[in-house]
């Protein structure tokens, strides 16, 4: 069976030393003088447009959640992220086992490797580049640029993979690898399997409770992770 393997980015493929959070804060400093509500919004497991909308709501300004305002703030965010990575890019690095796992998957003709991330495309490119992970090695992807609603992304990625499968893959043909309960849950619409990894802010126990097909502390055991993906 051929499989589409979709990776989340933050907390799964890499850690960015909170570069994204700092860049978002810079973007919002131009929007609001008072950022006391900023830290009340949890960022992991969400799309970038969703985060922007929740930050507006937390600031008591839900009427600011228009496509134009969100697009402007995302542009500011990308500009700030570029500066963050230029200044602190040495702190961005792959999570344990990621380079080895990506290399092992690349050697398999029965695997198509892609991205499934809440990052918008420019942010994804910046973070992966800082971690020295080639964006081009991911054949397909679905991003926060495509939808603010994370459960939409698996179908988008599967549809983009259709030319490689002869149809949109679904069910056990799709494996989503991520570090949050949202990563585990988002593939339900196409009955995808999920492999969870506790290299983000959720523990192994918390991720086990989500019902993931398999859960790992890290992706360092390439053989075990490959077995979970392919079995």
C-alpha atoms as a PDB file:
ATOM      1  CA  UNK A   1       0.000   0.000   0.000  1.00  0.00           C
ATOM      2  CA  UNK A   2       1.284   3.443  -0.914  1.00  0.00           C
ATOM      3  CA  UNK A   3       1.052   6.038   1.846  1.00  0.00           C
ATOM      4  CA  UNK A   4       0.848   9.781   2.118  1.00  0.00           C
ATOM      5  CA  UNK A   5       2.789  10.838   5.231  1.00  0.00           C
ATOM      6  CA  UNK A   6       2.011  14.380   6.372  1.00  0.00           C
ATOM      7  CA  UNK A   7       4.140  16.194   8.946  1.00  0.00           C
ATOM      8  CA  UNK A   8       3.229  19.072  11.207  1.00  0.00           C
ATOM      9  CA  UNK A   9       6.087  21.586  11.577  1.00  0.00           C
ATOM     10  CA  UNK A  10       6.283  23.298  14.985  1.00  0.00           C
ATOM     11  CA  UNK A  11       7.017  20.864  17.776  1.00  0.00           C
ATOM     12  CA  UNK A  12       7.113  17.946  15.333  1.00  0.00           C
ATOM     13  CA  UNK A  13       9.746  18.601  12.681  1.00  0.00           C
ATOM     14  CA  UNK A  14      11.477  21.427  14.538  1.00  0.00           C
ATOM     15  CA  UNK A  15      11.589  23.730  17.518  1.00  0.00           C
ATOM     16  CA  UNK A  16      11.937  27.423  16.780  1.00  0.00           C
ATOM     17  CA  UNK A  17      12.704  28.840  20.238  1.00  0.00           C
ATOM     18  CA  UNK A  18       9.340  30.669  20.151  1.00  0.00           C
ATOM     19  CA  UNK A  19      10.322  32.675  17.063  1.00  0.00           C
ATOM     20  CA  UNK A  20       6.757  32.521  15.774  1.00  0.00           C
ATOM     21  CA  UNK A  21       5.267  33.757  19.041  1.00  0.00           C
ATOM     22  CA  UNK A  22       7.688  36.686  19.176  1.00  0.00           C
ATOM     23  CA  UNK A  23       6.971  37.569  15.549  1.00  0.00           C
ATOM     24  CA  UNK A  24       3.230  37.522  16.186  1.00  0.00           C
ATOM     25  CA  UNK A  25       3.708  39.766  19.189  1.00  0.00           C
ATOM     26  CA  UNK A  26       5.629  42.259  17.043  1.00  0.00           C
ATOM     27  CA  UNK A  27       2.856  42.174  14.433  1.00  0.00           C
ATOM     28  CA  UNK A  28       0.227  42.886  17.080  1.00  0.00           C
ATOM     29  CA  UNK A  29       2.215  45.675  18.715  1.00  0.00           C
ATOM     30  CA  UNK A  30       1.352  47.799  15.668  1.00  0.00           C
ATOM     31  CA  UNK A  31      -2.331  46.921  16.120  1.00  0.00           C
ATOM     32  CA  UNK A  32      -2.805  47.351  19.878  1.00  0.00           C
ATOM     33  CA  UNK A  33      -0.958  49.317  22.489  1.00  0.00           C
ATOM     34  CA  UNK A  34      -2.032  46.914  25.227  1.00  0.00           C
ATOM     35  CA  UNK A  35      -0.911  43.312  24.688  1.00  0.00           C
ATOM     36  CA  UNK A  36      -1.928  42.037  28.118  1.00  0.00           C
ATOM     37  CA  UNK A  37      -4.328  39.569  26.489  1.00  0.00           C
ATOM     38  CA  UNK A  38      -1.700  38.112  24.158  1.00  0.00           C
ATOM     39  CA  UNK A  39      -0.481  35.330  26.438  1.00  0.00           C
ATOM     40  CA  UNK A  40      -4.033  34.148  27.125  1.00  0.00           C
ATOM     41  CA  UNK A  41      -4.175  32.576  23.652  1.00  0.00           C
ATOM     42  CA  UNK A  42      -2.574  29.173  23.156  1.00  0.00           C
ATOM     43  CA  UNK A  43      -0.865  28.938  19.760  1.00  0.00           C
ATOM     44  CA  UNK A  44      -0.032  25.268  19.240  1.00  0.00           C
ATOM     45  CA  UNK A  45      -2.262  23.054  17.130  1.00  0.00           C
ATOM     46  CA  UNK A  46      -3.867  26.024  15.335  1.00  0.00           C
ATOM     47  CA  UNK A  47      -3.568  27.710  11.971  1.00  0.00           C
ATOM     48  CA  UNK A  48      -1.945  31.134  11.705  1.00  0.00           C
ATOM     49  CA  UNK A  49      -5.200  32.828  10.577  1.00  0.00           C
ATOM     50  CA  UNK A  50      -7.064  31.141  13.452  1.00  0.00           C
ATOM     51  CA  UNK A  51      -4.483  32.451  15.913  1.00  0.00           C
ATOM     52  CA  UNK A  52      -4.836  35.987  14.544  1.00  0.00           C
ATOM     53  CA  UNK A  53      -8.611  35.786  14.913  1.00  0.00           C
ATOM     54  CA  UNK A  54      -8.372  34.465  18.486  1.00  0.00           C
ATOM     55  CA  UNK A  55      -5.908  37.213  19.422  1.00  0.00           C
ATOM     56  CA  UNK A  56      -8.335  39.860  18.151  1.00  0.00           C
ATOM     57  CA  UNK A  57     -11.140  38.272  20.148  1.00  0.00           C
ATOM     58  CA  UNK A  58      -8.986  38.058  23.282  1.00  0.00           C
ATOM     59  CA  UNK A  59      -8.241  41.762  22.902  1.00  0.00           C
ATOM     60  CA  UNK A  60     -11.971  42.461  22.843  1.00  0.00           C
ATOM     61  CA  UNK A  61     -11.990  43.391  19.163  1.00  0.00           C
ATOM     62  CA  UNK A  62     -13.650  40.488  17.313  1.00  0.00           C
ATOM     63  CA  UNK A  63     -14.905  42.931  14.674  1.00  0.00           C
ATOM     64  CA  UNK A  64     -11.279  43.143  13.499  1.00  0.00           C
ATOM     65  CA  UNK A  65     -11.495  39.575  12.225  1.00  0.00           C
ATOM     66  CA  UNK A  66     -11.935  40.553   8.591  1.00  0.00           C
ATOM     67  CA  UNK A  67      -9.974  38.973   5.718  1.00  0.00           C
ATOM     68  CA  UNK A  68      -8.240  42.289   5.029  1.00  0.00           C
ATOM     69  CA  UNK A  69      -7.060  42.842   8.599  1.00  0.00           C
ATOM     70  CA  UNK A  70      -5.965  39.228   9.036  1.00  0.00           C
ATOM     71  CA  UNK A  71      -4.020  39.350   5.750  1.00  0.00           C
ATOM     72  CA  UNK A  72      -2.284  42.575   6.808  1.00  0.00           C
ATOM     73  CA  UNK A  73      -1.287  41.115  10.168  1.00  0.00           C
ATOM     74  CA  UNK A  74       0.014  37.948   8.539  1.00  0.00           C
ATOM     75  CA  UNK A  75       2.201  40.073   6.260  1.00  0.00           C
ATOM     76  CA  UNK A  76       3.562  41.873   9.337  1.00  0.00           C
ATOM     77  CA  UNK A  77       4.101  38.516  11.022  1.00  0.00           C
ATOM     78  CA  UNK A  78       6.158  37.150   8.113  1.00  0.00           C
ATOM     79  CA  UNK A  79       8.303  40.301   8.042  1.00  0.00           C
ATOM     80  CA  UNK A  80       8.893  40.023  11.790  1.00  0.00           C
ATOM     81  CA  UNK A  81       9.630  36.298  11.493  1.00  0.00           C
ATOM     82  CA  UNK A  82      12.293  37.000   8.901  1.00  0.00           C
ATOM     83  CA  UNK A  83      14.003  39.340  11.340  1.00  0.00           C
ATOM     84  CA  UNK A  84      13.609  36.854  14.204  1.00  0.00           C
ATOM     85  CA  UNK A  85      15.263  34.093  12.193  1.00  0.00           C
ATOM     86  CA  UNK A  86      18.004  36.413  10.950  1.00  0.00           C
ATOM     87  CA  UNK A  87      18.743  37.269  14.583  1.00  0.00           C
ATOM     88  CA  UNK A  88      18.083  33.935  16.322  1.00  0.00           C
ATOM     89  CA  UNK A  89      18.028  31.372  13.532  1.00  0.00           C
ATOM     90  CA  UNK A  90      20.830  29.452  15.225  1.00  0.00           C
ATOM     91  CA  UNK A  91      18.307  28.502  17.934  1.00  0.00           C
ATOM     92  CA  UNK A  92      15.997  26.787  15.430  1.00  0.00           C
ATOM     93  CA  UNK A  93      16.782  23.089  15.024  1.00  0.00           C
ATOM     94  CA  UNK A  94      15.180  19.809  13.970  1.00  0.00           C
ATOM     95  CA  UNK A  95      13.550  17.674  16.627  1.00  0.00           C
ATOM     96  CA  UNK A  96      15.397  14.454  17.559  1.00  0.00           C
ATOM     97  CA  UNK A  97      15.380  11.854  14.806  1.00  0.00           C
ATOM     98  CA  UNK A  98      13.737  14.055  12.187  1.00  0.00           C
ATOM     99  CA  UNK A  99      16.564  14.186   9.606  1.00  0.00           C
ATOM    100  CA  UNK A 100      17.051  10.423   9.837  1.00  0.00           C
ATOM    101  CA  UNK A 101      13.320   9.715   9.532  1.00  0.00           C
ATOM    102  CA  UNK A 102      12.917  12.019   6.536  1.00  0.00           C
ATOM    103  CA  UNK A 103      15.884  10.359   4.834  1.00  0.00           C
ATOM    104  CA  UNK A 104      14.444   6.904   5.502  1.00  0.00           C
ATOM    105  CA  UNK A 105      11.056   7.882   4.084  1.00  0.00           C
ATOM    106  CA  UNK A 106      12.681   9.430   1.019  1.00  0.00           C
ATOM    107  CA  UNK A 107      14.224   6.046   0.177  1.00  0.00           C
ATOM    108  CA  UNK A 108      10.819   4.349   0.027  1.00  0.00           C
ATOM    109  CA  UNK A 109       8.979   4.373  -3.328  1.00  0.00           C
ATOM    110  CA  UNK A 110       5.737   3.532  -1.494  1.00  0.00           C
ATOM    111  CA  UNK A 111       5.748   6.778   0.526  1.00  0.00           C
ATOM    112  CA  UNK A 112       4.844  10.318  -0.503  1.00  0.00           C
ATOM    113  CA  UNK A 113       6.033  12.803   2.111  1.00  0.00           C
ATOM    114  CA  UNK A 114       4.199  16.076   2.673  1.00  0.00           C
ATOM    115  CA  UNK A 115       3.359  18.830   5.117  1.00  0.00           C
ATOM    116  CA  UNK A 116       0.174  19.469   7.058  1.00  0.00           C
ATOM    117  CA  UNK A 117       0.655  22.605   9.092  1.00  0.00           C
ATOM    118  CA  UNK A 118      -1.155  25.625  10.434  1.00  0.00           C
ATOM    119  CA  UNK A 119       1.730  27.777   9.232  1.00  0.00           C
ATOM    120  CA  UNK A 120       1.114  29.909   6.189  1.00  0.00           C
ATOM    121  CA  UNK A 121       3.489  28.992   3.358  1.00  0.00           C
ATOM    122  CA  UNK A 122       6.036  31.828   3.837  1.00  0.00           C
ATOM    123  CA  UNK A 123       6.289  31.059   7.556  1.00  0.00           C
ATOM    124  CA  UNK A 124       6.720  27.356   6.869  1.00  0.00           C
ATOM    125  CA  UNK A 125       9.547  28.074   4.421  1.00  0.00           C
ATOM    126  CA  UNK A 126      11.325  30.375   6.876  1.00  0.00           C
ATOM    127  CA  UNK A 127      11.146  27.946   9.795  1.00  0.00           C
ATOM    128  CA  UNK A 128      12.189  24.886   7.786  1.00  0.00           C
ATOM    129  CA  UNK A 129      15.044  26.805   6.188  1.00  0.00           C
ATOM    130  CA  UNK A 130      16.314  27.901   9.590  1.00  0.00           C
ATOM    131  CA  UNK A 131      16.252  24.261  10.733  1.00  0.00           C
ATOM    132  CA  UNK A 132      18.112  23.231   7.565  1.00  0.00           C
ATOM    133  CA  UNK A 133      15.209  21.079   6.393  1.00  0.00           C
ATOM    134  CA  UNK A 134      14.654  21.423   2.644  1.00  0.00           C
ATOM    135  CA  UNK A 135      11.110  22.648   1.939  1.00  0.00           C
ATOM    136  CA  UNK A 136      11.384  21.060  -1.504  1.00  0.00           C
ATOM    137  CA  UNK A 137      11.610  17.533  -0.155  1.00  0.00           C
ATOM    138  CA  UNK A 138       7.912  17.671   0.746  1.00  0.00           C
ATOM    139  CA  UNK A 139       5.991  16.699  -2.364  1.00  0.00           C
ATOM    140  CA  UNK A 140       2.574  18.006  -1.313  1.00  0.00           C
ATOM    141  CA  UNK A 141       1.267  20.150   1.491  1.00  0.00           C
ATOM    142  CA  UNK A 142      -1.676  21.868   3.095  1.00  0.00           C
ATOM    143  CA  UNK A 143      -1.146  25.074   5.053  1.00  0.00           C
ATOM    144  CA  UNK A 144      -2.825  27.743   7.107  1.00  0.00           C
ATOM    145  CA  UNK A 145      -2.744  29.694   3.835  1.00  0.00           C
ATOM    146  CA  UNK A 146      -5.318  27.224   2.480  1.00  0.00           C
ATOM    147  CA  UNK A 147      -7.824  27.317   5.334  1.00  0.00           C
ATOM    148  CA  UNK A 148      -8.065  28.743   8.831  1.00  0.00           C
ATOM    149  CA  UNK A 149      -9.927  25.566   9.862  1.00  0.00           C
ATOM    150  CA  UNK A 150      -7.334  22.866  10.545  1.00  0.00           C
ATOM    151  CA  UNK A 151      -9.670  19.892   9.882  1.00  0.00           C
ATOM    152  CA  UNK A 152      -9.954  21.133   6.269  1.00  0.00           C
ATOM    153  CA  UNK A 153      -6.248  20.559   5.656  1.00  0.00           C
ATOM    154  CA  UNK A 154      -6.038  16.731   5.385  1.00  0.00           C
ATOM    155  CA  UNK A 155      -8.513  16.638   2.495  1.00  0.00           C
ATOM    156  CA  UNK A 156      -6.683  19.499   0.788  1.00  0.00           C
ATOM    157  CA  UNK A 157      -3.379  17.611   1.057  1.00  0.00           C
ATOM    158  CA  UNK A 158      -4.960  14.348  -0.098  1.00  0.00           C
ATOM    159  CA  UNK A 159      -6.545  16.085  -3.096  1.00  0.00           C
ATOM    160  CA  UNK A 160      -3.187  17.558  -4.057  1.00  0.00           C
ATOM    161  CA  UNK A 161      -1.666  14.064  -3.827  1.00  0.00           C
ATOM    162  CA  UNK A 162      -4.324  12.576  -6.142  1.00  0.00           C
ATOM    163  CA  UNK A 163      -2.151  12.757  -9.297  1.00  0.00           C
ATOM    164  CA  UNK A 164       0.437  10.588  -7.513  1.00  0.00           C
ATOM    165  CA  UNK A 165      -2.108   8.006  -6.331  1.00  0.00           C
ATOM    166  CA  UNK A 166      -4.564   8.032  -9.214  1.00  0.00           C
ATOM    167  CA  UNK A 167      -7.190   9.333  -6.752  1.00  0.00           C
ATOM    168  CA  UNK A 168      -7.229  11.165  -3.445  1.00  0.00           C
ATOM    169  CA  UNK A 169      -5.797   8.809  -0.786  1.00  0.00           C
ATOM    170  CA  UNK A 170      -7.824   8.232   2.360  1.00  0.00           C
ATOM    171  CA  UNK A 171      -8.069   6.005   5.414  1.00  0.00           C
ATOM    172  CA  UNK A 172      -4.916   4.063   6.270  1.00  0.00           C
ATOM    173  CA  UNK A 173      -3.248   5.454   3.161  1.00  0.00           C
ATOM    174  CA  UNK A 174      -2.817   8.786   4.979  1.00  0.00           C
ATOM    175  CA  UNK A 175      -0.703   9.152   8.123  1.00  0.00           C
ATOM    176  CA  UNK A 176      -0.523  12.468   9.973  1.00  0.00           C
ATOM    177  CA  UNK A 177       2.404  13.038  12.321  1.00  0.00           C
ATOM    178  CA  UNK A 178       2.062  15.794  14.897  1.00  0.00           C
ATOM    179  CA  UNK A 179       2.582  16.908  18.469  1.00  0.00           C
ATOM    180  CA  UNK A 180      -0.877  18.114  19.528  1.00  0.00           C
ATOM    181  CA  UNK A 181      -4.350  16.658  19.986  1.00  0.00           C
ATOM    182  CA  UNK A 182      -5.432  18.831  17.046  1.00  0.00           C
ATOM    183  CA  UNK A 183      -2.993  16.951  14.805  1.00  0.00           C
ATOM    184  CA  UNK A 184      -4.468  13.652  15.932  1.00  0.00           C
ATOM    185  CA  UNK A 185      -8.061  14.770  15.461  1.00  0.00           C
ATOM    186  CA  UNK A 186      -7.848  16.737  12.233  1.00  0.00           C
ATOM    187  CA  UNK A 187      -7.657  13.720   9.920  1.00  0.00           C
ATOM    188  CA  UNK A 188     -10.945  12.193  11.065  1.00  0.00           C
ATOM    189  CA  UNK A 189     -12.767  13.534   8.017  1.00  0.00           C
ATOM    190  CA  UNK A 190     -10.747  11.269   5.720  1.00  0.00           C
ATOM    191  CA  UNK A 191     -10.221   8.508   8.329  1.00  0.00           C
ATOM    192  CA  UNK A 192      -6.467   9.154   8.378  1.00  0.00           C
ATOM    193  CA  UNK A 193      -4.244   7.539  10.985  1.00  0.00           C
ATOM    194  CA  UNK A 194      -2.257   9.691  13.382  1.00  0.00           C
ATOM    195  CA  UNK A 195       1.174   9.227  14.912  1.00  0.00           C
ATOM    196  CA  UNK A 196       1.744  11.554  17.877  1.00  0.00           C
ATOM    197  CA  UNK A 197       5.086  12.739  19.211  1.00  0.00           C
ATOM    198  CA  UNK A 198       5.702  14.521  22.519  1.00  0.00           C
ATOM    199  CA  UNK A 199       8.383  16.944  21.317  1.00  0.00           C
ATOM    200  CA  UNK A 200       5.985  19.875  21.633  1.00  0.00           C
ATOM    201  CA  UNK A 201       4.065  21.049  24.680  1.00  0.00           C
ATOM    202  CA  UNK A 202       1.954  17.914  25.267  1.00  0.00           C
ATOM    203  CA  UNK A 203       3.180  14.900  27.220  1.00  0.00           C
ATOM    204  CA  UNK A 204       3.186  11.302  26.054  1.00  0.00           C
ATOM    205  CA  UNK A 205       0.306  10.556  28.449  1.00  0.00           C
ATOM    206  CA  UNK A 206      -1.763  13.447  27.131  1.00  0.00           C
ATOM    207  CA  UNK A 207      -1.205  12.336  23.544  1.00  0.00           C
ATOM    208  CA  UNK A 208      -1.923   8.682  24.290  1.00  0.00           C
ATOM    209  CA  UNK A 209      -5.316   9.757  25.613  1.00  0.00           C
ATOM    210  CA  UNK A 210      -6.193  11.248  22.205  1.00  0.00           C
ATOM    211  CA  UNK A 211      -6.356   7.806  20.619  1.00  0.00           C
ATOM    212  CA  UNK A 212      -3.429   8.206  18.231  1.00  0.00           C
ATOM    213  CA  UNK A 213      -2.416   5.053  16.362  1.00  0.00           C
ATOM    214  CA  UNK A 214       1.015   5.321  18.021  1.00  0.00           C
ATOM    215  CA  UNK A 215       2.681   7.795  20.354  1.00  0.00           C
ATOM    216  CA  UNK A 216       6.398   8.452  20.817  1.00  0.00           C
ATOM    217  CA  UNK A 217       8.440  10.602  23.167  1.00  0.00           C
ATOM    218  CA  UNK A 218      10.582  11.595  20.161  1.00  0.00           C
ATOM    219  CA  UNK A 219      11.026  10.421  16.581  1.00  0.00           C
ATOM    220  CA  UNK A 220      14.561   9.239  17.327  1.00  0.00           C
ATOM    221  CA  UNK A 221      13.830   5.508  16.961  1.00  0.00           C
ATOM    222  CA  UNK A 222      13.593   5.491  13.168  1.00  0.00           C
ATOM    223  CA  UNK A 223      12.790   1.797  12.927  1.00  0.00           C
ATOM    224  CA  UNK A 224       9.920   1.963  15.420  1.00  0.00           C
ATOM    225  CA  UNK A 225       8.464   5.129  13.884  1.00  0.00           C
ATOM    226  CA  UNK A 226       8.640   3.637  10.377  1.00  0.00           C
ATOM    227  CA  UNK A 227       6.831   0.554  11.627  1.00  0.00           C
ATOM    228  CA  UNK A 228       4.072   2.720  13.130  1.00  0.00           C
ATOM    229  CA  UNK A 229       3.739   4.653   9.868  1.00  0.00           C
ATOM    230  CA  UNK A 230       3.728   1.661   7.554  1.00  0.00           C
ATOM    231  CA  UNK A 231       1.955  -1.035   9.567  1.00  0.00           C
END
